[in-house]
Amino acid sequence: MAEERVATRTQFPVSTESQKPRQKKGDFLLAFS
């Protein structure tokens, strides 16, 4: 599980997510659901 979290962090850095609009963040959450 820890490795998966690291991989997700590498693909979607927190800094990048913060810069993206909220709408994009919604799509990101939907993709994970």
Protein backbone atom coordinates (compact mmCIF):
# COMPACT_ATOMS: atom_id res chain seq x y z
CA MET A 1 0.00 0.00 0.00
CA ALA A 2 2.82 2.41 0.85
CA GLU A 3 4.45 1.84 -2.54
CA GLU A 4 1.19 2.64 -4.31
CA ARG A 5 0.91 5.90 -2.39
CA VAL A 6 4.43 6.86 -3.39
CA ALA A 7 3.67 6.10 -7.04
CA THR A 8 0.53 8.26 -6.87
CA ARG A 9 2.48 11.10 -5.29
CA THR A 10 5.06 10.88 -8.08
CA GLN A 11 2.39 10.98 -10.79
CA PHE A 12 0.35 13.75 -9.16
CA PRO A 13 2.58 16.05 -7.08
CA VAL A 14 0.80 18.11 -4.44
CA SER A 15 2.15 21.34 -5.93
CA THR A 16 0.66 20.47 -9.32
CA GLU A 17 -2.70 19.58 -7.80
CA SER A 18 -2.78 22.89 -5.93
CA GLN A 19 -2.23 24.81 -9.17
CA LYS A 20 -4.98 22.92 -11.01
CA PRO A 21 -8.53 24.35 -10.84
CA ARG A 22 -11.09 22.75 -8.55
CA GLN A 23 -12.94 21.29 -11.53
CA LYS A 24 -9.83 19.35 -12.53
CA LYS A 25 -9.46 18.15 -8.95
CA GLY A 26 -13.02 16.77 -9.12
CA ASP A 27 -12.13 14.76 -12.22
CA PHE A 28 -9.02 13.50 -10.42
CA LEU A 29 -11.13 12.25 -7.51
CA LEU A 30 -13.66 10.67 -9.88
CA ALA A 31 -10.89 8.80 -11.68
CA PHE A 32 -9.75 7.34 -8.36
CA SER A 33 -13.33 6.32 -7.49
